[in-house]
Every structure is written in structure tokens, then in C-alpha cells.
Amino acid sequence: MLTRFLIHVVALLFVFYVIWGIRGGVLWTAVLMALILALVNLIIRPVLLILTLPVTILTLGLFVIILNALLFALSFAVLQGILNVHFVIGFGQILIGYLIYVIVSTVLTQLFR
């Protein structure tokens, strides 16, 4: 479990540095973002998956990517509120950041199995 958490922190570090250009105090920011993302995925995601099931079926599952990107954006917004900082990031950057986060975490998970 600790290994998976560290993999997600490394993936978030990669996204912070490459996509959003966040450089100062990144390690603790990534750890806090990983905790927030875990809580959002644990509490809010199951409810939203059930509520958006008809749209997900109509789009053949592609809406789940948008839903996950929105939850990623929510986690980032909560992180900005906690740290009392503001970054101007659009939905396109959130979507690209989420996709890169998923790819990096998947590759690292496969490497450490």
C-alpha cells in the first residue's frame, strides 16, 4: 500500500513539474495532493459513478475519463484552498495532466510488480 502511494506521489510530481510548471515545495504538495485525491476517490467517486451511469453507458464508458478528470480538478482546487495559492489552470491542462498522471502511475505500477 505504501508503494502504491509513493508511485502516485511520483506521478503527481511528474505532472506538477512537466505540465503545470510548479517547482517550489513540490514534494509536500504532491503528498498532500495524493492524500486528497485518495479521499475524493474513496468518498465522492462511487456516488458520481452511480449517478452518471446512464451517460457513461451512452458514451460507451468514455465519460468516466471526463468524470475522473473533474475529480482530479476538484482535488487540485481543494489543494489550492488548503495551501492558499492560486494557479490558473484550464480544463484542457487538467485533462492532459490527469491522462499523464494515469499513464505514469500505470507504468510505475507495472515496473514495481
PDB file of N, CA and C in Angstrom:
ATOM      1  N   MET A   1       0.822  -1.187   0.000  1.00  0.00           N
ATOM      2  CA  MET A   1       0.000   0.000   0.000  1.00  0.00           C
ATOM      3  C   MET A   1       0.873   1.261   0.000  1.00  0.00           C
ATOM      4  N   LEU A   2       1.950   1.221   0.750  1.00  0.00           N
ATOM      5  CA  LEU A   2       2.866   2.355   0.782  1.00  0.00           C
ATOM      6  C   LEU A   2       3.542   2.545  -0.574  1.00  0.00           C
ATOM      7  N   THR A   3       3.850   1.430  -1.245  1.00  0.00           N
ATOM      8  CA  THR A   3       4.474   1.515  -2.562  1.00  0.00           C
ATOM      9  C   THR A   3       3.537   2.186  -3.560  1.00  0.00           C
ATOM     10  N   ARG A   4       2.254   1.819  -3.542  1.00  0.00           N
ATOM     11  CA  ARG A   4       1.283   2.450  -4.444  1.00  0.00           C
ATOM     12  C   ARG A   4       1.156   3.941  -4.154  1.00  0.00           C
ATOM     13  N   PHE A   5       1.162   4.303  -2.874  1.00  0.00           N
ATOM     14  CA  PHE A   5       1.075   5.707  -2.513  1.00  0.00           C
ATOM     15  C   PHE A   5       2.290   6.474  -3.033  1.00  0.00           C
ATOM     16  N   LEU A   6       3.466   5.901  -2.889  1.00  0.00           N
ATOM     17  CA  LEU A   6       4.684   6.552  -3.388  1.00  0.00           C
ATOM     18  C   LEU A   6       4.687   6.659  -4.911  1.00  0.00           C
ATOM     19  N   ILE A   7       4.123   5.649  -5.578  1.00  0.00           N
ATOM     20  CA  ILE A   7       4.014   5.701  -7.037  1.00  0.00           C
ATOM     21  C   ILE A   7       3.120   6.857  -7.452  1.00  0.00           C
ATOM     22  N   HIS A   8       2.009   7.048  -6.741  1.00  0.00           N
ATOM     23  CA  HIS A   8       1.111   8.154  -7.064  1.00  0.00           C
ATOM     24  C   HIS A   8       1.759   9.509  -6.766  1.00  0.00           C
ATOM     25  N   VAL A   9       2.545   9.568  -5.719  1.00  0.00           N
ATOM     26  CA  VAL A   9       3.262  10.814  -5.411  1.00  0.00           C
ATOM     27  C   VAL A   9       4.263  11.141  -6.518  1.00  0.00           C
ATOM     28  N   VAL A  10       4.995  10.146  -6.998  1.00  0.00           N
ATOM     29  CA  VAL A  10       5.961  10.368  -8.079  1.00  0.00           C
ATOM     30  C   VAL A  10       5.239  10.790  -9.357  1.00  0.00           C
ATOM     31  N   ALA A  11       4.107  10.167  -9.652  1.00  0.00           N
ATOM     32  CA  ALA A  11       3.337  10.549 -10.836  1.00  0.00           C
ATOM     33  C   ALA A  11       2.845  11.990 -10.716  1.00  0.00           C
ATOM     34  N   LEU A  12       2.402  12.383  -9.538  1.00  0.00           N
ATOM     35  CA  LEU A  12       1.967  13.762  -9.327  1.00  0.00           C
ATOM     36  C   LEU A  12       3.131  14.739  -9.425  1.00  0.00           C
ATOM     37  N   LEU A  13       4.297  14.352  -8.923  1.00  0.00           N
ATOM     38  CA  LEU A  13       5.481  15.193  -9.080  1.00  0.00           C
ATOM     39  C   LEU A  13       5.782  15.433 -10.552  1.00  0.00           C
ATOM     40  N   PHE A  14       5.669  14.378 -11.343  1.00  0.00           N
ATOM     41  CA  PHE A  14       5.908  14.490 -12.777  1.00  0.00           C
ATOM     42  C   PHE A  14       4.908  15.455 -13.417  1.00  0.00           C
ATOM     43  N   VAL A  15       3.639  15.310 -13.065  1.00  0.00           N
ATOM     44  CA  VAL A  15       2.604  16.198 -13.625  1.00  0.00           C
ATOM     45  C   VAL A  15       2.815  17.635 -13.182  1.00  0.00           C
ATOM     46  N   PHE A  16       3.120  17.832 -11.897  1.00  0.00           N
ATOM     47  CA  PHE A  16       3.346  19.190 -11.403  1.00  0.00           C
ATOM     48  C   PHE A  16       4.487  19.865 -12.144  1.00  0.00           C
ATOM     49  N   TYR A  17       5.549  19.134 -12.351  1.00  0.00           N
ATOM     50  CA  TYR A  17       6.741  19.735 -12.954  1.00  0.00           C
ATOM     51  C   TYR A  17       6.577  19.936 -14.461  1.00  0.00           C
ATOM     52  N   VAL A  18       6.103  18.920 -15.161  1.00  0.00           N
ATOM     53  CA  VAL A  18       6.060  18.968 -16.618  1.00  0.00           C
ATOM     54  C   VAL A  18       4.873  19.777 -17.137  1.00  0.00           C
ATOM     55  N   ILE A  19       3.695  19.530 -16.621  1.00  0.00           N
ATOM     56  CA  ILE A  19       2.500  20.159 -17.179  1.00  0.00           C
ATOM     57  C   ILE A  19       2.271  21.544 -16.599  1.00  0.00           C
ATOM     58  N   TRP A  20       2.300  21.678 -15.300  1.00  0.00           N
ATOM     59  CA  TRP A  20       1.888  22.918 -14.678  1.00  0.00           C
ATOM     60  C   TRP A  20       3.050  23.826 -14.296  1.00  0.00           C
ATOM     61  N   GLY A  21       4.266  23.346 -14.375  1.00  0.00           N
ATOM     62  CA  GLY A  21       5.417  24.193 -14.090  1.00  0.00           C
ATOM     63  C   GLY A  21       5.549  24.570 -12.627  1.00  0.00           C
ATOM     64  N   ILE A  22       4.958  23.799 -11.724  1.00  0.00           N
ATOM     65  CA  ILE A  22       5.067  24.072 -10.293  1.00  0.00           C
ATOM     66  C   ILE A  22       6.399  23.494  -9.825  1.00  0.00           C
ATOM     67  N   ARG A  23       7.248  24.316  -9.230  1.00  0.00           N
ATOM     68  CA  ARG A  23       8.582  23.852  -8.872  1.00  0.00           C
ATOM     69  C   ARG A  23       8.905  23.981  -7.389  1.00  0.00           C
ATOM     70  N   GLY A  24       8.384  24.945  -6.697  1.00  0.00           N
ATOM     71  CA  GLY A  24       8.751  25.169  -5.306  1.00  0.00           C
ATOM     72  C   GLY A  24       7.903  24.376  -4.324  1.00  0.00           C
ATOM     73  N   GLY A  25       8.541  23.669  -3.405  1.00  0.00           N
ATOM     74  CA  GLY A  25       7.820  22.908  -2.384  1.00  0.00           C
ATOM     75  C   GLY A  25       6.964  21.803  -2.965  1.00  0.00           C
ATOM     76  N   VAL A  26       7.461  21.155  -4.001  1.00  0.00           N
ATOM     77  CA  VAL A  26       6.641  20.222  -4.758  1.00  0.00           C
ATOM     78  C   VAL A  26       6.414  18.906  -4.022  1.00  0.00           C
ATOM     79  N   LEU A  27       7.382  18.417  -3.274  1.00  0.00           N
ATOM     80  CA  LEU A  27       7.245  17.110  -2.651  1.00  0.00           C
ATOM     81  C   LEU A  27       6.077  17.072  -1.688  1.00  0.00           C
ATOM     82  N   TRP A  28       5.995  18.028  -0.784  1.00  0.00           N
ATOM     83  CA  TRP A  28       4.891  18.020   0.175  1.00  0.00           C
ATOM     84  C   TRP A  28       3.571  18.342  -0.496  1.00  0.00           C
ATOM     85  N   THR A  29       3.613  19.131  -1.556  1.00  0.00           N
ATOM     86  CA  THR A  29       2.410  19.409  -2.327  1.00  0.00           C
ATOM     87  C   THR A  29       1.893  18.133  -2.980  1.00  0.00           C
ATOM     88  N   ALA A  30       2.791  17.326  -3.527  1.00  0.00           N
ATOM     89  CA  ALA A  30       2.391  16.069  -4.170  1.00  0.00           C
ATOM     90  C   ALA A  30       1.865  15.073  -3.145  1.00  0.00           C
ATOM     91  N   VAL A  31       2.476  15.020  -1.972  1.00  0.00           N
ATOM     92  CA  VAL A  31       1.993  14.113  -0.922  1.00  0.00           C
ATOM     93  C   VAL A  31       0.595  14.520  -0.485  1.00  0.00           C
ATOM     94  N   LEU A  32       0.387  15.817  -0.280  1.00  0.00           N
ATOM     95  CA  LEU A  32      -0.925  16.307   0.126  1.00  0.00           C
ATOM     96  C   LEU A  32      -1.963  16.083  -0.974  1.00  0.00           C
ATOM     97  N   MET A  33      -1.580  16.306  -2.230  1.00  0.00           N
ATOM     98  CA  MET A  33      -2.493  16.073  -3.345  1.00  0.00           C
ATOM     99  C   MET A  33      -2.850  14.601  -3.465  1.00  0.00           C
ATOM    100  N   ALA A  34      -1.899  13.704  -3.223  1.00  0.00           N
ATOM    101  CA  ALA A  34      -2.186  12.273  -3.277  1.00  0.00           C
ATOM    102  C   ALA A  34      -3.177  11.877  -2.184  1.00  0.00           C
ATOM    103  N   LEU A  35      -3.031  12.453  -0.999  1.00  0.00           N
ATOM    104  CA  LEU A  35      -3.987  12.165   0.079  1.00  0.00           C
ATOM    105  C   LEU A  35      -5.380  12.696  -0.255  1.00  0.00           C
ATOM    106  N   ILE A  36      -5.447  13.908  -0.780  1.00  0.00           N
ATOM    107  CA  ILE A  36      -6.733  14.491  -1.154  1.00  0.00           C
ATOM    108  C   ILE A  36      -7.379  13.681  -2.269  1.00  0.00           C
ATOM    109  N   LEU A  37      -6.590  13.295  -3.253  1.00  0.00           N
ATOM    110  CA  LEU A  37      -7.105  12.510  -4.374  1.00  0.00           C
ATOM    111  C   LEU A  37      -7.618  11.152  -3.901  1.00  0.00           C
ATOM    112  N   ALA A  38      -6.917  10.545  -2.958  1.00  0.00           N
ATOM    113  CA  ALA A  38      -7.377   9.265  -2.408  1.00  0.00           C
ATOM    114  C   ALA A  38      -8.711   9.422  -1.678  1.00  0.00           C
ATOM    115  N   LEU A  39      -8.855  10.492  -0.911  1.00  0.00           N
ATOM    116  CA  LEU A  39     -10.112  10.726  -0.202  1.00  0.00           C
ATOM    117  C   LEU A  39     -11.259  11.030  -1.165  1.00  0.00           C
ATOM    118  N   VAL A  40     -10.994  11.825  -2.182  1.00  0.00           N
ATOM    119  CA  VAL A  40     -12.029  12.136  -3.171  1.00  0.00           C
ATOM    120  C   VAL A  40     -12.461  10.865  -3.901  1.00  0.00           C
ATOM    121  N   ASN A  41     -11.490  10.027  -4.296  1.00  0.00           N
ATOM    122  CA  ASN A  41     -11.819   8.781  -4.984  1.00  0.00           C
ATOM    123  C   ASN A  41     -12.527   7.795  -4.074  1.00  0.00           C
ATOM    124  N   LEU A  42     -12.281   7.866  -2.786  1.00  0.00           N
ATOM    125  CA  LEU A  42     -12.923   6.967  -1.842  1.00  0.00           C
ATOM    126  C   LEU A  42     -14.350   7.393  -1.511  1.00  0.00           C
ATOM    127  N   ILE A  43     -14.588   8.689  -1.396  1.00  0.00           N
ATOM    128  CA  ILE A  43     -15.882   9.174  -0.925  1.00  0.00           C
ATOM    129  C   ILE A  43     -16.800   9.625  -2.062  1.00  0.00           C
ATOM    130  N   ILE A  44     -16.312  10.472  -2.948  1.00  0.00           N
ATOM    131  CA  ILE A  44     -17.170  11.115  -3.942  1.00  0.00           C
ATOM    132  C   ILE A  44     -17.314  10.294  -5.224  1.00  0.00           C
ATOM    133  N   ARG A  45     -16.244   9.647  -5.674  1.00  0.00           N
ATOM    134  CA  ARG A  45     -16.252   8.955  -6.962  1.00  0.00           C
ATOM    135  C   ARG A  45     -17.318   7.866  -7.073  1.00  0.00           C
ATOM    136  N   PRO A  46     -17.511   7.003  -6.072  1.00  0.00           N
ATOM    137  CA  PRO A  46     -18.545   5.967  -6.231  1.00  0.00           C
ATOM    138  C   PRO A  46     -19.951   6.545  -6.412  1.00  0.00           C
ATOM    139  N   VAL A  47     -20.245   7.621  -5.697  1.00  0.00           N
ATOM    140  CA  VAL A  47     -21.567   8.241  -5.814  1.00  0.00           C
ATOM    141  C   VAL A  47     -21.752   8.822  -7.218  1.00  0.00           C
ATOM    142  N   LEU A  48     -20.736   9.520  -7.714  1.00  0.00           N
ATOM    143  CA  LEU A  48     -20.838  10.117  -9.045  1.00  0.00           C
ATOM    144  C   LEU A  48     -20.884   9.065 -10.150  1.00  0.00           C
ATOM    145  N   LEU A  49     -20.185   7.944  -9.956  1.00  0.00           N
ATOM    146  CA  LEU A  49     -20.247   6.877 -10.959  1.00  0.00           C
ATOM    147  C   LEU A  49     -21.654   6.308 -11.071  1.00  0.00           C
ATOM    148  N   ILE A  50     -22.325   6.158  -9.965  1.00  0.00           N
ATOM    149  CA  ILE A  50     -23.692   5.648  -9.988  1.00  0.00           C
ATOM    150  C   ILE A  50     -24.649   6.673 -10.589  1.00  0.00           C
ATOM    151  N   LEU A  51     -24.480   7.945 -10.219  1.00  0.00           N
ATOM    152  CA  LEU A  51     -25.369   8.987 -10.731  1.00  0.00           C
ATOM    153  C   LEU A  51     -25.202   9.219 -12.236  1.00  0.00           C
ATOM    154  N   THR A  52     -24.003   9.030 -12.754  1.00  0.00           N
ATOM    155  CA  THR A  52     -23.746   9.277 -14.171  1.00  0.00           C
ATOM    156  C   THR A  52     -23.733   7.995 -14.995  1.00  0.00           C
ATOM    157  N   LEU A  53     -24.261   6.912 -14.461  1.00  0.00           N
ATOM    158  CA  LEU A  53     -24.253   5.638 -15.174  1.00  0.00           C
ATOM    159  C   LEU A  53     -24.960   5.705 -16.529  1.00  0.00           C
ATOM    160  N   PRO A  54     -26.122   6.362 -16.658  1.00  0.00           N
ATOM    161  CA  PRO A  54     -26.745   6.430 -17.996  1.00  0.00           C
ATOM    162  C   PRO A  54     -25.874   7.138 -19.037  1.00  0.00           C
ATOM    163  N   VAL A  55     -25.228   8.233 -18.643  1.00  0.00           N
ATOM    164  CA  VAL A  55     -24.354   8.953 -19.579  1.00  0.00           C
ATOM    165  C   VAL A  55     -23.143   8.091 -19.917  1.00  0.00           C
ATOM    166  N   THR A  56     -22.631   7.377 -18.945  1.00  0.00           N
ATOM    167  CA  THR A  56     -21.478   6.504 -19.180  1.00  0.00           C
ATOM    168  C   THR A  56     -21.825   5.393 -20.159  1.00  0.00           C
ATOM    169  N   ILE A  57     -23.020   4.835 -20.031  1.00  0.00           N
ATOM    170  CA  ILE A  57     -23.448   3.783 -20.955  1.00  0.00           C
ATOM    171  C   ILE A  57     -23.624   4.354 -22.360  1.00  0.00           C
ATOM    172  N   LEU A  58     -24.220   5.541 -22.461  1.00  0.00           N
ATOM    173  CA  LEU A  58     -24.429   6.154 -23.780  1.00  0.00           C
ATOM    174  C   LEU A  58     -23.115   6.496 -24.479  1.00  0.00           C
ATOM    175  N   THR A  59     -22.108   6.861 -23.726  1.00  0.00           N
ATOM    176  CA  THR A  59     -20.816   7.217 -24.328  1.00  0.00           C
ATOM    177  C   THR A  59     -19.844   6.044 -24.355  1.00  0.00           C
ATOM    178  N   LEU A  60     -20.350   4.864 -24.069  1.00  0.00           N
ATOM    179  CA  LEU A  60     -19.552   3.633 -24.081  1.00  0.00           C
ATOM    180  C   LEU A  60     -18.359   3.706 -23.119  1.00  0.00           C
ATOM    181  N   GLY A  61     -18.546   4.365 -21.996  1.00  0.00           N
ATOM    182  CA  GLY A  61     -17.534   4.425 -20.953  1.00  0.00           C
ATOM    183  C   GLY A  61     -16.574   5.589 -21.038  1.00  0.00           C
ATOM    184  N   LEU A  62     -16.636   6.367 -22.103  1.00  0.00           N
ATOM    185  CA  LEU A  62     -15.692   7.480 -22.251  1.00  0.00           C
ATOM    186  C   LEU A  62     -15.957   8.610 -21.258  1.00  0.00           C
ATOM    187  N   PHE A  63     -17.188   8.704 -20.761  1.00  0.00           N
ATOM    188  CA  PHE A  63     -17.498   9.763 -19.806  1.00  0.00           C
ATOM    189  C   PHE A  63     -16.748   9.568 -18.487  1.00  0.00           C
ATOM    190  N   VAL A  64     -16.336   8.346 -18.194  1.00  0.00           N
ATOM    191  CA  VAL A  64     -15.590   8.076 -16.955  1.00  0.00           C
ATOM    192  C   VAL A  64     -14.267   8.835 -16.964  1.00  0.00           C
ATOM    193  N   ILE A  65     -13.655   8.994 -18.134  1.00  0.00           N
ATOM    194  CA  ILE A  65     -12.411   9.760 -18.229  1.00  0.00           C
ATOM    195  C   ILE A  65     -12.663  11.214 -17.852  1.00  0.00           C
ATOM    196  N   ILE A  66     -13.750  11.781 -18.367  1.00  0.00           N
ATOM    197  CA  ILE A  66     -14.103  13.167 -18.037  1.00  0.00           C
ATOM    198  C   ILE A  66     -14.427  13.289 -16.553  1.00  0.00           C
ATOM    199  N   LEU A  67     -15.167  12.329 -16.016  1.00  0.00           N
ATOM    200  CA  LEU A  67     -15.516  12.353 -14.599  1.00  0.00           C
ATOM    201  C   LEU A  67     -14.270  12.281 -13.724  1.00  0.00           C
ATOM    202  N   ASN A  68     -13.330  11.410 -14.082  1.00  0.00           N
ATOM    203  CA  ASN A  68     -12.086  11.304 -13.315  1.00  0.00           C
ATOM    204  C   ASN A  68     -11.258  12.580 -13.418  1.00  0.00           C
ATOM    205  N   ALA A  69     -11.258  13.202 -14.593  1.00  0.00           N
ATOM    206  CA  ALA A  69     -10.535  14.478 -14.748  1.00  0.00           C
ATOM    207  C   ALA A  69     -11.189  15.564 -13.896  1.00  0.00           C
ATOM    208  N   LEU A  70     -12.512  15.573 -13.813  1.00  0.00           N
ATOM    209  CA  LEU A  70     -13.202  16.540 -12.957  1.00  0.00           C
ATOM    210  C   LEU A  70     -12.886  16.311 -11.481  1.00  0.00           C
ATOM    211  N   LEU A  71     -12.789  15.056 -11.076  1.00  0.00           N
ATOM    212  CA  LEU A  71     -12.406  14.762  -9.693  1.00  0.00           C
ATOM    213  C   LEU A  71     -10.954  15.154  -9.434  1.00  0.00           C
ATOM    214  N   PHE A  72     -10.108  15.003 -10.435  1.00  0.00           N
ATOM    215  CA  PHE A  72      -8.719  15.458 -10.346  1.00  0.00           C
ATOM    216  C   PHE A  72      -8.686  16.976 -10.170  1.00  0.00           C
ATOM    217  N   ALA A  73      -9.535  17.680 -10.927  1.00  0.00           N
ATOM    218  CA  ALA A  73      -9.625  19.135 -10.806  1.00  0.00           C
ATOM    219  C   ALA A  73     -10.153  19.535  -9.437  1.00  0.00           C
ATOM    220  N   LEU A  74     -11.126  18.788  -8.921  1.00  0.00           N
ATOM    221  CA  LEU A  74     -11.652  19.065  -7.584  1.00  0.00           C
ATOM    222  C   LEU A  74     -10.560  18.901  -6.536  1.00  0.00           C
ATOM    223  N   SER A  75      -9.782  17.856  -6.658  1.00  0.00           N
ATOM    224  CA  SER A  75      -8.680  17.628  -5.722  1.00  0.00           C
ATOM    225  C   SER A  75      -7.658  18.759  -5.798  1.00  0.00           C
ATOM    226  N   PHE A  76      -7.381  19.213  -7.011  1.00  0.00           N
ATOM    227  CA  PHE A  76      -6.432  20.309  -7.178  1.00  0.00           C
ATOM    228  C   PHE A  76      -6.986  21.603  -6.596  1.00  0.00           C
ATOM    229  N   ALA A  77      -8.295  21.821  -6.743  1.00  0.00           N
ATOM    230  CA  ALA A  77      -8.922  23.015  -6.168  1.00  0.00           C
ATOM    231  C   ALA A  77      -8.881  22.976  -4.644  1.00  0.00           C
ATOM    232  N   VAL A  78      -9.116  21.805  -4.057  1.00  0.00           N
ATOM    233  CA  VAL A  78      -9.026  21.665  -2.601  1.00  0.00           C
ATOM    234  C   VAL A  78      -7.590  21.907  -2.146  1.00  0.00           C
ATOM    235  N   LEU A  79      -6.633  21.392  -2.906  1.00  0.00           N
ATOM    236  CA  LEU A  79      -5.222  21.606  -2.594  1.00  0.00           C
ATOM    237  C   LEU A  79      -4.879  23.095  -2.617  1.00  0.00           C
ATOM    238  N   GLN A  80      -5.383  23.814  -3.617  1.00  0.00           N
ATOM    239  CA  GLN A  80      -5.131  25.252  -3.687  1.00  0.00           C
ATOM    240  C   GLN A  80      -5.749  25.972  -2.502  1.00  0.00           C
ATOM    241  N   GLY A  81      -6.926  25.512  -2.060  1.00  0.00           N
ATOM    242  CA  GLY A  81      -7.561  26.123  -0.900  1.00  0.00           C
ATOM    243  C   GLY A  81      -6.796  25.870   0.386  1.00  0.00           C
ATOM    244  N   ILE A  82      -6.261  24.671   0.519  1.00  0.00           N
ATOM    245  CA  ILE A  82      -5.503  24.332   1.728  1.00  0.00           C
ATOM    246  C   ILE A  82      -4.187  25.104   1.771  1.00  0.00           C
ATOM    247  N   LEU A  83      -3.494  25.156   0.635  1.00  0.00           N
ATOM    248  CA  LEU A  83      -2.193  25.827   0.594  1.00  0.00           C
ATOM    249  C   LEU A  83      -2.307  27.335   0.417  1.00  0.00           C
ATOM    250  N   ASN A  84      -3.518  27.822   0.153  1.00  0.00           N
ATOM    251  CA  ASN A  84      -3.776  29.245  -0.037  1.00  0.00           C
ATOM    252  C   ASN A  84      -2.933  29.819  -1.183  1.00  0.00           C
ATOM    253  N   VAL A  85      -2.904  29.077  -2.288  1.00  0.00           N
ATOM    254  CA  VAL A  85      -2.235  29.527  -3.507  1.00  0.00           C
ATOM    255  C   VAL A  85      -3.239  29.441  -4.654  1.00  0.00           C
ATOM    256  N   HIS A  86      -2.907  30.075  -5.751  1.00  0.00           N
ATOM    257  CA  HIS A  86      -3.803  30.036  -6.897  1.00  0.00           C
ATOM    258  C   HIS A  86      -2.999  29.865  -8.178  1.00  0.00           C
ATOM    259  N   PHE A  87      -3.353  28.849  -8.941  1.00  0.00           N
ATOM    260  CA  PHE A  87      -2.759  28.615 -10.244  1.00  0.00           C
ATOM    261  C   PHE A  87      -3.873  28.670 -11.272  1.00  0.00           C
ATOM    262  N   VAL A  88      -3.649  29.370 -12.361  1.00  0.00           N
ATOM    263  CA  VAL A  88      -4.640  29.441 -13.425  1.00  0.00           C
ATOM    264  C   VAL A  88      -4.432  28.240 -14.332  1.00  0.00           C
ATOM    265  N   ILE A  89      -5.344  27.286 -14.219  1.00  0.00           N
ATOM    266  CA  ILE A  89      -5.238  26.057 -14.988  1.00  0.00           C
ATOM    267  C   ILE A  89      -6.599  25.779 -15.606  1.00  0.00           C
ATOM    268  N   GLY A  90      -6.627  25.579 -16.906  1.00  0.00           N
ATOM    269  CA  GLY A  90      -7.871  25.305 -17.613  1.00  0.00           C
ATOM    270  C   GLY A  90      -8.187  23.816 -17.632  1.00  0.00           C
ATOM    271  N   PHE A  91      -9.378  23.504 -18.151  1.00  0.00           N
ATOM    272  CA  PHE A  91      -9.794  22.108 -18.184  1.00  0.00           C
ATOM    273  C   PHE A  91      -8.911  21.277 -19.114  1.00  0.00           C
ATOM    274  N   GLY A  92      -8.405  21.876 -20.179  1.00  0.00           N
ATOM    275  CA  GLY A  92      -7.512  21.144 -21.078  1.00  0.00           C
ATOM    276  C   GLY A  92      -6.247  20.694 -20.374  1.00  0.00           C
ATOM    277  N   GLN A  93      -5.672  21.591 -19.563  1.00  0.00           N
ATOM    278  CA  GLN A  93      -4.486  21.217 -18.795  1.00  0.00           C
ATOM    279  C   GLN A  93      -4.820  20.167 -17.737  1.00  0.00           C
ATOM    280  N   ILE A  94      -5.998  20.281 -17.138  1.00  0.00           N
ATOM    281  CA  ILE A  94      -6.413  19.276 -16.152  1.00  0.00           C
ATOM    282  C   ILE A  94      -6.549  17.919 -16.823  1.00  0.00           C
ATOM    283  N   LEU A  95      -7.189  17.869 -17.974  1.00  0.00           N
ATOM    284  CA  LEU A  95      -7.388  16.608 -18.678  1.00  0.00           C
ATOM    285  C   LEU A  95      -6.059  15.994 -19.100  1.00  0.00           C
ATOM    286  N   ILE A  96      -5.175  16.797 -19.664  1.00  0.00           N
ATOM    287  CA  ILE A  96      -3.855  16.297 -20.068  1.00  0.00           C
ATOM    288  C   ILE A  96      -3.055  15.860 -18.834  1.00  0.00           C
ATOM    289  N   GLY A  97      -3.117  16.658 -17.765  1.00  0.00           N
ATOM    290  CA  GLY A  97      -2.425  16.293 -16.531  1.00  0.00           C
ATOM    291  C   GLY A  97      -2.948  14.995 -15.949  1.00  0.00           C
ATOM    292  N   TYR A  98      -4.270  14.808 -15.987  1.00  0.00           N
ATOM    293  CA  TYR A  98      -4.846  13.564 -15.477  1.00  0.00           C
ATOM    294  C   TYR A  98      -4.407  12.371 -16.322  1.00  0.00           C
ATOM    295  N   LEU A  99      -4.441  12.520 -17.645  1.00  0.00           N
ATOM    296  CA  LEU A  99      -4.036  11.408 -18.505  1.00  0.00           C
ATOM    297  C   LEU A  99      -2.566  11.055 -18.313  1.00  0.00           C
ATOM    298  N   ILE A 100      -1.711  12.062 -18.178  1.00  0.00           N
ATOM    299  CA  ILE A 100      -0.297  11.791 -17.920  1.00  0.00           C
ATOM    300  C   ILE A 100      -0.115  11.138 -16.552  1.00  0.00           C
ATOM    301  N   TYR A 101      -0.876  11.597 -15.557  1.00  0.00           N
ATOM    302  CA  TYR A 101      -0.843  11.004 -14.218  1.00  0.00           C
ATOM    303  C   TYR A 101      -1.199   9.518 -14.286  1.00  0.00           C
ATOM    304  N   VAL A 102      -2.237   9.186 -15.036  1.00  0.00           N
ATOM    305  CA  VAL A 102      -2.656   7.784 -15.159  1.00  0.00           C
ATOM    306  C   VAL A 102      -1.593   6.958 -15.866  1.00  0.00           C
ATOM    307  N   ILE A 103      -1.034   7.492 -16.937  1.00  0.00           N
ATOM    308  CA  ILE A 103      -0.018   6.750 -17.691  1.00  0.00           C
ATOM    309  C   ILE A 103       1.228   6.521 -16.851  1.00  0.00           C
ATOM    310  N   VAL A 104       1.712   7.560 -16.187  1.00  0.00           N
ATOM    311  CA  VAL A 104       2.926   7.418 -15.371  1.00  0.00           C
ATOM    312  C   VAL A 104       2.697   6.464 -14.203  1.00  0.00           C
ATOM    313  N   SER A 105       1.558   6.592 -13.536  1.00  0.00           N
ATOM    314  CA  SER A 105       1.305   5.700 -12.392  1.00  0.00           C
ATOM    315  C   SER A 105       1.115   4.258 -12.853  1.00  0.00           C
ATOM    316  N   THR A 106       0.515   4.040 -14.016  1.00  0.00           N
ATOM    317  CA  THR A 106       0.349   2.683 -14.534  1.00  0.00           C
ATOM    318  C   THR A 106       1.694   2.070 -14.897  1.00  0.00           C
ATOM    319  N   VAL A 107       2.542   2.842 -15.556  1.00  0.00           N
ATOM    320  CA  VAL A 107       3.863   2.328 -15.937  1.00  0.00           C
ATOM    321  C   VAL A 107       4.693   2.012 -14.686  1.00  0.00           C
ATOM    322  N   LEU A 108       4.677   2.910 -13.709  1.00  0.00           N
ATOM    323  CA  LEU A 108       5.442   2.653 -12.481  1.00  0.00           C
ATOM    324  C   LEU A 108       4.884   1.483 -11.700  1.00  0.00           C
ATOM    325  N   THR A 109       3.583   1.305 -11.696  1.00  0.00           N
ATOM    326  CA  THR A 109       2.978   0.156 -11.013  1.00  0.00           C
ATOM    327  C   THR A 109       3.419  -1.144 -11.686  1.00  0.00           C
ATOM    328  N   GLN A 110       3.445  -1.155 -13.004  1.00  0.00           N
ATOM    329  CA  GLN A 110       3.884  -2.364 -13.721  1.00  0.00           C
ATOM    330  C   GLN A 110       5.381  -2.628 -13.502  1.00  0.00           C
ATOM    331  N   LEU A 111       6.166  -1.598 -13.358  1.00  0.00           N
ATOM    332  CA  LEU A 111       7.600  -1.792 -13.118  1.00  0.00           C
ATOM    333  C   LEU A 111       7.884  -2.372 -11.736  1.00  0.00           C
ATOM    334  N   PHE A 112       7.067  -2.012 -10.752  1.00  0.00           N
ATOM    335  CA  PHE A 112       7.331  -2.432  -9.373  1.00  0.00           C
ATOM    336  C   PHE A 112       6.532  -3.657  -8.951  1.00  0.00           C
ATOM    337  N   ARG A 113       5.936  -4.368  -9.890  1.00  0.00           N
ATOM    338  CA  ARG A 113       5.230  -5.603  -9.546  1.00  0.00           C
ATOM    339  C   ARG A 113       6.160  -6.755  -9.463  1.00  0.00           C
TER     340      ARG A 113
END
